[in-house]
Amino acid sequence: MFINSINMYNIFQYITEWRLNDLIAYVSDARKLEQLGVDDIIIAASTPHLVFDEVQKQVTLPMISIVDATVKEAKRQEVHHIGLLGTKFTMEQDFFKTPFEENGKCIYVPEEVTQQYLHKKIVNELENGIVNPDTKKFKRIVDDMIKQEKIDSLILGCTELPMIFSEEDFDIPLIDTMDIHVNKIVDFMFENK
């Protein structure tokens, strides 16, 4: 296993400034991994999947998408009205939502003010490994989505969200993108051996 670690704060800055070409170039350092002779490449975070297709075009190896793996899991679970939490970029952009909608799923995100609150907590706390008891207030946001939008499941669309949520917190299934992605990667590794 080879890791090319990238700084999420650079990614956030590129997206905030809508410098997608810089983001593509930054994430496309995946080509370094290709030169090492790896079998496949992953982007182990949801937000950079905003440019997944563009990065995939720059390498010849297969890339395993966290979004595609999550769509397949939602189909397997037969859920249809799905809440999505993540960084504001994951919630406000279509790269995560569209594949679900194309598969007959409805995706719901909190209102913009709530998205900003969630993003701030993710960036300032969870990205730094800080879990404040106050951040558990995210549960109230989900409870509101269950009541108002009638969601039947919740996507943890930021790989840090499992730090504060578990299945025991809700009466609906959680779709943990990190767990799903890891399982897909392991399956891929064994399929190709």
Protein backbone atom coordinates (compact mmCIF):
# COMPACT_ATOMS: atom_id res chain seq x y z
CA MET A 1 0.00 0.00 0.00
CA PHE A 2 1.34 3.42 -0.96
CA ILE A 3 -0.15 6.64 0.41
CA ASN A 4 0.06 10.07 -1.15
CA SER A 5 -1.30 12.22 1.65
CA ILE A 6 -3.05 15.42 0.66
CA ASN A 7 -4.06 18.34 2.84
CA MET A 8 -7.84 18.75 3.12
CA TYR A 9 -7.42 22.45 3.89
CA ASN A 10 -5.85 22.94 0.44
CA ILE A 11 -8.83 21.14 -1.05
CA PHE A 12 -11.27 23.34 0.88
CA GLN A 13 -9.43 26.46 -0.31
CA TYR A 14 -9.46 25.40 -3.97
CA ILE A 15 -13.19 24.68 -3.84
CA THR A 16 -14.02 27.85 -1.89
CA GLU A 17 -12.16 29.89 -4.51
CA TRP A 18 -13.64 27.66 -7.25
CA ARG A 19 -10.17 26.86 -8.57
CA LEU A 20 -11.16 23.45 -9.87
CA ASN A 21 -8.19 23.14 -12.22
CA ASP A 22 -5.87 23.61 -9.25
CA LEU A 23 -7.90 21.05 -7.32
CA ILE A 24 -7.67 18.57 -10.19
CA ALA A 25 -3.90 19.09 -10.42
CA TYR A 26 -3.54 18.70 -6.66
CA VAL A 27 -5.58 15.50 -6.46
CA SER A 28 -4.03 14.21 -9.70
CA ASP A 29 -0.82 13.66 -7.82
CA ALA A 30 -2.37 10.19 -7.88
CA ARG A 31 -0.20 9.75 -10.96
CA LYS A 32 2.75 9.39 -8.57
CA LEU A 33 1.07 6.28 -7.21
CA GLU A 34 0.53 4.94 -10.70
CA GLN A 35 4.28 5.22 -11.34
CA LEU A 36 4.90 3.03 -8.28
CA GLY A 37 3.01 0.18 -9.92
CA VAL A 38 -0.11 0.07 -7.74
CA ASP A 39 -3.18 -1.89 -8.87
CA ASP A 40 -5.76 0.79 -8.20
CA ILE A 41 -6.15 4.26 -6.76
CA ILE A 42 -8.59 5.63 -4.23
CA ILE A 43 -9.38 9.09 -2.97
CA ALA A 44 -10.12 8.34 0.67
CA ALA A 45 -12.42 11.31 1.31
CA SER A 46 -15.78 12.41 -0.05
CA THR A 47 -15.21 16.10 -0.82
CA PRO A 48 -12.41 15.61 -3.39
CA HIS A 49 -14.77 13.38 -5.37
CA LEU A 50 -16.05 16.67 -6.78
CA VAL A 51 -13.29 16.17 -9.40
CA PHE A 52 -13.17 12.35 -9.38
CA ASP A 53 -14.07 11.98 -13.07
CA GLU A 54 -11.43 14.49 -14.15
CA VAL A 55 -8.75 12.78 -12.05
CA GLN A 56 -9.79 9.36 -13.40
CA LYS A 57 -9.11 10.65 -16.93
CA GLN A 58 -5.51 11.44 -15.95
CA VAL A 59 -4.58 7.93 -14.83
CA THR A 60 -4.82 4.58 -16.58
CA LEU A 61 -5.53 2.54 -13.45
CA PRO A 62 -9.01 1.94 -12.06
CA MET A 63 -10.12 4.29 -9.34
CA ILE A 64 -12.64 3.16 -6.74
CA SER A 65 -15.25 5.84 -6.12
CA ILE A 66 -16.64 6.41 -2.63
CA VAL A 67 -19.78 7.83 -4.27
CA ASP A 68 -20.41 4.82 -6.54
CA ALA A 69 -19.80 2.41 -3.68
CA THR A 70 -22.28 4.36 -1.51
CA VAL A 71 -24.94 4.34 -4.26
CA LYS A 72 -24.58 0.55 -4.53
CA GLU A 73 -24.97 0.20 -0.76
CA ALA A 74 -28.11 2.37 -0.77
CA LYS A 75 -29.56 0.14 -3.51
CA ARG A 76 -28.65 -2.97 -1.51
CA GLN A 77 -30.37 -1.54 1.57
CA GLU A 78 -33.40 -0.54 -0.54
CA VAL A 79 -33.57 2.94 0.97
CA HIS A 80 -35.10 5.77 -1.04
CA HIS A 81 -35.36 9.01 1.00
CA ILE A 82 -31.82 9.59 2.13
CA GLY A 83 -30.35 12.38 4.25
CA LEU A 84 -26.83 13.53 3.41
CA LEU A 85 -24.42 15.16 5.86
CA GLY A 86 -20.89 16.21 5.00
CA THR A 87 -18.84 19.27 4.25
CA LYS A 88 -20.78 22.14 2.72
CA PHE A 89 -19.21 21.23 -0.63
CA THR A 90 -20.53 17.68 -0.45
CA MET A 91 -23.99 18.91 0.56
CA GLU A 92 -24.30 21.85 -1.85
CA GLN A 93 -22.70 20.41 -5.01
CA ASP A 94 -24.30 17.75 -7.20
CA PHE A 95 -21.39 15.29 -7.50
CA PHE A 96 -22.72 13.22 -4.60
CA LYS A 97 -26.45 13.76 -5.12
CA THR A 98 -26.78 13.18 -8.88
CA PRO A 99 -25.75 9.49 -8.95
CA PHE A 100 -28.38 8.77 -6.29
CA GLU A 101 -31.08 10.68 -8.14
CA GLU A 102 -30.15 8.85 -11.35
CA ASN A 103 -30.85 5.63 -9.44
CA GLY A 104 -34.29 6.74 -8.26
CA LYS A 105 -33.20 7.90 -4.80
CA CYS A 106 -34.16 11.22 -3.20
CA ILE A 107 -31.36 13.02 -1.39
CA TYR A 108 -32.07 15.60 1.30
CA VAL A 109 -29.62 18.03 2.86
CA PRO A 110 -30.16 20.54 5.66
CA GLU A 111 -30.89 24.18 4.90
CA GLU A 112 -27.94 26.41 4.00
CA VAL A 113 -27.45 27.92 7.47
CA THR A 114 -27.27 24.44 8.94
CA GLN A 115 -24.88 23.34 6.21
CA GLN A 116 -22.55 26.20 7.17
CA TYR A 117 -22.73 25.17 10.84
CA LEU A 118 -21.96 21.52 10.03
CA HIS A 119 -19.09 22.51 7.75
CA LYS A 120 -17.54 24.74 10.40
CA LYS A 121 -17.69 21.96 13.00
CA ILE A 122 -16.22 19.41 10.57
CA VAL A 123 -13.39 21.69 9.46
CA ASN A 124 -12.49 23.21 12.81
CA GLU A 125 -13.02 20.18 15.02
CA LEU A 126 -13.45 16.77 13.42
CA GLU A 127 -10.74 17.30 10.76
CA ASN A 128 -8.39 17.91 13.69
CA GLY A 129 -9.55 14.90 15.70
CA ILE A 130 -11.49 17.05 18.17
CA VAL A 131 -14.83 15.67 19.34
CA ASN A 132 -16.66 18.22 21.48
CA PRO A 133 -19.82 17.10 23.28
CA ASP A 134 -21.50 20.13 21.68
CA THR A 135 -20.97 18.58 18.25
CA LYS A 136 -23.42 15.84 19.21
CA LYS A 137 -26.04 18.53 18.44
CA PHE A 138 -25.70 17.21 14.89
CA LYS A 139 -28.17 14.58 16.09
CA ARG A 140 -30.86 17.25 16.41
CA ILE A 141 -30.28 18.20 12.78
CA VAL A 142 -30.81 14.59 11.73
CA ASP A 143 -33.89 14.24 13.93
CA ASP A 144 -35.34 17.32 12.17
CA MET A 145 -34.60 15.75 8.76
CA ILE A 146 -36.35 12.56 9.85
CA LYS A 147 -39.44 14.53 10.89
CA GLN A 148 -39.54 17.08 8.09
CA GLU A 149 -38.18 15.15 5.09
CA LYS A 150 -39.16 11.64 6.24
CA ILE A 151 -35.66 10.33 5.49
CA ASP A 152 -35.31 6.56 5.83
CA SER A 153 -31.51 6.53 6.09
CA LEU A 154 -28.57 8.87 6.54
CA ILE A 155 -25.35 9.09 4.57
CA LEU A 156 -22.33 10.02 6.65
CA GLY A 157 -20.85 11.86 3.67
CA CYS A 158 -17.73 12.97 5.51
CA THR A 159 -15.29 10.31 6.61
CA GLU A 160 -14.90 12.02 10.01
CA LEU A 161 -18.61 11.80 10.94
CA PRO A 162 -18.30 8.26 12.36
CA MET A 163 -16.26 9.90 15.13
CA ILE A 164 -19.53 11.26 16.55
CA PHE A 165 -22.27 8.98 15.17
CA SER A 166 -23.04 5.30 15.39
CA GLU A 167 -26.01 3.12 14.50
CA GLU A 168 -27.23 3.36 18.11
CA ASP A 169 -27.82 7.11 17.73
CA PHE A 170 -30.73 6.77 15.30
CA ASP A 171 -33.74 4.66 14.41
CA ILE A 172 -32.77 4.76 10.73
CA PRO A 173 -29.79 3.05 9.06
CA LEU A 174 -26.54 4.97 8.72
CA ILE A 175 -24.70 4.70 5.44
CA ASP A 176 -21.08 5.15 6.48
CA THR A 177 -19.15 6.13 3.35
CA MET A 178 -15.77 5.36 4.90
CA ASP A 179 -16.79 1.84 5.92
CA ILE A 180 -18.40 1.19 2.54
CA HIS A 181 -15.35 2.47 0.67
CA VAL A 182 -12.95 0.33 2.71
CA ASN A 183 -15.09 -2.77 2.08
CA LYS A 184 -15.17 -2.03 -1.66
CA ILE A 185 -11.38 -1.64 -1.69
CA VAL A 186 -10.88 -4.95 0.13
CA ASP A 187 -13.28 -6.68 -2.31
CA PHE A 188 -11.35 -5.21 -5.22
CA MET A 189 -8.04 -6.42 -3.79
CA PHE A 190 -9.28 -10.00 -3.42
CA GLU A 191 -11.07 -10.03 -6.79
CA ASN A 192 -7.79 -9.22 -8.51
CA LYS A 193 -5.57 -11.77 -6.75
